[in-house]
Amino acid sequence: MAGVGKAVPEFEDLLPVMAEKLGGEGLMRELCNGFELLMDKEKGVITVESLKRNAAVLGLQDLSHDELVSMVEEGDTDGDGALSEMEFCVLMFRLSPGLMEESQLLLEEILQEELKSAAFY
């Protein structure tokens, strides 16, 4: 029973606030800046090692090596053991319940409008 008794770090979802204040383009720019801050400068991707080196910037300096590995694995969709800029941005959105909910509502609204204009509704 992995994870039993482990303290889960508290996470405050700030992406919706950032999106509201910065707009879509501004949020993406900030995510790209965050990626560049965390990435291995020679490899151009976020590795477990680069995340460990820069974890304090995120207030994650107390995370274990295994927890950092899990973070990278969570977003590593191509299985190369690292996060590309796209994988990082997708992961940030996936980890933001507020943004995911807002995106779902916006998508539903757009689809309803499209259906109405196409006379399917």
C-alpha atoms as a PDB file:
ATOM      1  CA  MET A   1       0.000   0.000   0.000  1.00  0.00           C
ATOM      2  CA  ALA A   2       2.307   2.693  -1.293  1.00  0.00           C
ATOM      3  CA  GLY A   3       1.727   6.173  -0.032  1.00  0.00           C
ATOM      4  CA  VAL A   4      -0.071   5.165   3.174  1.00  0.00           C
ATOM      5  CA  GLY A   5       0.971   7.476   5.962  1.00  0.00           C
ATOM      6  CA  LYS A   6       2.853   9.806   3.616  1.00  0.00           C
ATOM      7  CA  ALA A   7       2.193  13.496   3.981  1.00  0.00           C
ATOM      8  CA  VAL A   8       1.065  14.985   0.699  1.00  0.00           C
ATOM      9  CA  PRO A   9       2.458  18.469   0.074  1.00  0.00           C
ATOM     10  CA  GLU A  10      -0.296  21.077   0.143  1.00  0.00           C
ATOM     11  CA  PHE A  11      -0.863  22.575  -3.283  1.00  0.00           C
ATOM     12  CA  GLU A  12      -2.543  25.891  -3.910  1.00  0.00           C
ATOM     13  CA  ASP A  13      -3.858  26.092  -7.457  1.00  0.00           C
ATOM     14  CA  LEU A  14      -2.803  29.543  -8.656  1.00  0.00           C
ATOM     15  CA  LEU A  15      -3.119  28.941 -12.397  1.00  0.00           C
ATOM     16  CA  PRO A  16      -6.748  30.145 -12.620  1.00  0.00           C
ATOM     17  CA  VAL A  17      -5.790  33.397 -10.870  1.00  0.00           C
ATOM     18  CA  MET A  18      -2.801  33.817 -13.180  1.00  0.00           C
ATOM     19  CA  ALA A  19      -4.976  33.097 -16.224  1.00  0.00           C
ATOM     20  CA  GLU A  20      -7.515  35.682 -15.140  1.00  0.00           C
ATOM     21  CA  LYS A  21      -4.883  38.361 -14.505  1.00  0.00           C
ATOM     22  CA  LEU A  22      -2.541  37.610 -17.430  1.00  0.00           C
ATOM     23  CA  GLY A  23      -4.909  36.281 -20.076  1.00  0.00           C
ATOM     24  CA  GLY A  24      -4.171  33.205 -22.174  1.00  0.00           C
ATOM     25  CA  GLU A  25      -1.026  34.494 -23.853  1.00  0.00           C
ATOM     26  CA  GLY A  26       0.380  35.868 -20.618  1.00  0.00           C
ATOM     27  CA  LEU A  27      -0.240  32.597 -18.799  1.00  0.00           C
ATOM     28  CA  MET A  28       1.510  30.620 -21.542  1.00  0.00           C
ATOM     29  CA  ARG A  29       4.451  33.051 -21.411  1.00  0.00           C
ATOM     30  CA  GLU A  30       4.722  32.534 -17.642  1.00  0.00           C
ATOM     31  CA  LEU A  31       4.553  28.758 -18.025  1.00  0.00           C
ATOM     32  CA  CYS A  32       7.349  28.954 -20.602  1.00  0.00           C
ATOM     33  CA  ASN A  33       9.372  31.096 -18.197  1.00  0.00           C
ATOM     34  CA  GLY A  34       8.794  28.503 -15.469  1.00  0.00           C
ATOM     35  CA  PHE A  35       9.913  25.748 -17.810  1.00  0.00           C
ATOM     36  CA  GLU A  36      13.120  27.612 -18.648  1.00  0.00           C
ATOM     37  CA  LEU A  37      13.796  28.162 -14.956  1.00  0.00           C
ATOM     38  CA  LEU A  38      13.510  24.430 -14.212  1.00  0.00           C
ATOM     39  CA  MET A  39      15.051  22.918 -17.330  1.00  0.00           C
ATOM     40  CA  ASP A  40      18.509  21.477 -17.790  1.00  0.00           C
ATOM     41  CA  LYS A  41      20.130  24.229 -19.855  1.00  0.00           C
ATOM     42  CA  GLU A  42      22.269  21.780 -21.868  1.00  0.00           C
ATOM     43  CA  LYS A  43      19.496  19.279 -22.634  1.00  0.00           C
ATOM     44  CA  GLY A  44      16.611  21.741 -23.060  1.00  0.00           C
ATOM     45  CA  VAL A  45      14.237  19.588 -20.976  1.00  0.00           C
ATOM     46  CA  ILE A  46      13.304  19.239 -17.314  1.00  0.00           C
ATOM     47  CA  THR A  47      15.097  16.245 -15.835  1.00  0.00           C
ATOM     48  CA  VAL A  48      14.852  14.852 -12.320  1.00  0.00           C
ATOM     49  CA  GLU A  49      18.296  16.338 -11.695  1.00  0.00           C
ATOM     50  CA  SER A  50      17.371  19.818 -12.956  1.00  0.00           C
ATOM     51  CA  LEU A  51      14.141  19.690 -10.947  1.00  0.00           C
ATOM     52  CA  LYS A  52      16.117  18.726  -7.847  1.00  0.00           C
ATOM     53  CA  ARG A  53      18.591  21.595  -8.414  1.00  0.00           C
ATOM     54  CA  ASN A  54      15.781  24.114  -8.785  1.00  0.00           C
ATOM     55  CA  ALA A  55      13.189  22.647  -6.401  1.00  0.00           C
ATOM     56  CA  ALA A  56      13.746  25.380  -3.806  1.00  0.00           C
ATOM     57  CA  VAL A  57      12.461  27.976  -6.289  1.00  0.00           C
ATOM     58  CA  LEU A  58       9.102  26.179  -6.110  1.00  0.00           C
ATOM     59  CA  GLY A  59       9.254  25.568  -2.368  1.00  0.00           C
ATOM     60  CA  LEU A  60       9.777  21.856  -3.038  1.00  0.00           C
ATOM     61  CA  GLN A  61      13.222  21.488  -1.495  1.00  0.00           C
ATOM     62  CA  ASP A  62      11.916  18.923   1.009  1.00  0.00           C
ATOM     63  CA  LEU A  63      10.676  16.466  -1.627  1.00  0.00           C
ATOM     64  CA  SER A  64      12.504  13.151  -1.830  1.00  0.00           C
ATOM     65  CA  HIS A  65      14.231  11.885  -4.956  1.00  0.00           C
ATOM     66  CA  ASP A  66      11.374   9.402  -5.488  1.00  0.00           C
ATOM     67  CA  GLU A  67       8.795  12.184  -5.284  1.00  0.00           C
ATOM     68  CA  LEU A  68      10.706  14.236  -7.866  1.00  0.00           C
ATOM     69  CA  VAL A  69      10.920  11.172 -10.129  1.00  0.00           C
ATOM     70  CA  SER A  70       7.145  10.725  -9.767  1.00  0.00           C
ATOM     71  CA  MET A  71       6.566  14.354 -10.738  1.00  0.00           C
ATOM     72  CA  VAL A  72       8.585  13.948 -13.939  1.00  0.00           C
ATOM     73  CA  GLU A  73       6.974  10.587 -14.732  1.00  0.00           C
ATOM     74  CA  GLU A  74       3.496  12.115 -14.301  1.00  0.00           C
ATOM     75  CA  GLY A  75       4.034  14.441 -17.248  1.00  0.00           C
ATOM     76  CA  ASP A  76       6.428  12.381 -19.374  1.00  0.00           C
ATOM     77  CA  THR A  77       4.139  11.308 -22.203  1.00  0.00           C
ATOM     78  CA  ASP A  78       6.845  10.151 -24.617  1.00  0.00           C
ATOM     79  CA  GLY A  79       8.735   8.026 -22.066  1.00  0.00           C
ATOM     80  CA  ASP A  80      12.110   9.722 -22.445  1.00  0.00           C
ATOM     81  CA  GLY A  81      12.456  10.349 -18.693  1.00  0.00           C
ATOM     82  CA  ALA A  82      12.235  14.128 -19.032  1.00  0.00           C
ATOM     83  CA  LEU A  83       9.674  16.876 -19.627  1.00  0.00           C
ATOM     84  CA  SER A  84       9.669  18.860 -22.840  1.00  0.00           C
ATOM     85  CA  GLU A  85       8.184  22.334 -22.771  1.00  0.00           C
ATOM     86  CA  MET A  86       4.886  21.003 -24.156  1.00  0.00           C
ATOM     87  CA  GLU A  87       4.746  18.146 -21.630  1.00  0.00           C
ATOM     88  CA  PHE A  88       5.420  20.634 -18.812  1.00  0.00           C
ATOM     89  CA  CYS A  89       2.638  22.990 -19.941  1.00  0.00           C
ATOM     90  CA  VAL A  90       0.149  20.136 -20.377  1.00  0.00           C
ATOM     91  CA  LEU A  91       1.064  18.816 -16.922  1.00  0.00           C
ATOM     92  CA  MET A  92       0.544  22.238 -15.332  1.00  0.00           C
ATOM     93  CA  PHE A  93      -2.944  22.424 -16.873  1.00  0.00           C
ATOM     94  CA  ARG A  94      -3.765  18.849 -15.832  1.00  0.00           C
ATOM     95  CA  LEU A  95      -2.712  19.587 -12.259  1.00  0.00           C
ATOM     96  CA  SER A  96      -4.945  22.666 -12.113  1.00  0.00           C
ATOM     97  CA  PRO A  97      -8.501  21.554 -11.314  1.00  0.00           C
ATOM     98  CA  GLY A  98      -9.707  25.151 -11.585  1.00  0.00           C
ATOM     99  CA  LEU A  99      -8.363  25.636 -15.090  1.00  0.00           C
ATOM    100  CA  MET A 100      -9.596  22.243 -16.217  1.00  0.00           C
ATOM    101  CA  GLU A 101     -13.110  23.050 -14.965  1.00  0.00           C
ATOM    102  CA  GLU A 102     -13.088  26.474 -16.636  1.00  0.00           C
ATOM    103  CA  SER A 103     -11.813  24.928 -19.878  1.00  0.00           C
ATOM    104  CA  GLN A 104     -14.575  22.298 -19.800  1.00  0.00           C
ATOM    105  CA  LEU A 105     -17.273  24.945 -19.279  1.00  0.00           C
ATOM    106  CA  LEU A 106     -15.869  27.115 -22.059  1.00  0.00           C
ATOM    107  CA  LEU A 107     -15.707  24.143 -24.430  1.00  0.00           C
ATOM    108  CA  GLU A 108     -19.314  23.198 -23.659  1.00  0.00           C
ATOM    109  CA  GLU A 109     -20.429  26.776 -24.273  1.00  0.00           C
ATOM    110  CA  ILE A 110     -18.588  26.955 -27.602  1.00  0.00           C
ATOM    111  CA  LEU A 111     -20.010  23.610 -28.717  1.00  0.00           C
ATOM    112  CA  GLN A 112     -23.553  24.702 -27.870  1.00  0.00           C
ATOM    113  CA  GLU A 113     -23.104  27.888 -29.898  1.00  0.00           C
ATOM    114  CA  GLU A 114     -21.691  25.915 -32.833  1.00  0.00           C
ATOM    115  CA  LEU A 115     -24.586  23.483 -32.724  1.00  0.00           C
ATOM    116  CA  LYS A 116     -27.112  26.331 -32.616  1.00  0.00           C
ATOM    117  CA  SER A 117     -25.514  28.085 -35.572  1.00  0.00           C
ATOM    118  CA  ALA A 118     -25.420  24.813 -37.524  1.00  0.00           C
ATOM    119  CA  ALA A 119     -29.153  24.271 -36.814  1.00  0.00           C
ATOM    120  CA  PHE A 120     -28.507  20.996 -34.996  1.00  0.00           C
ATOM    121  CA  TYR A 121     -29.828  22.240 -31.685  1.00  0.00           C
END
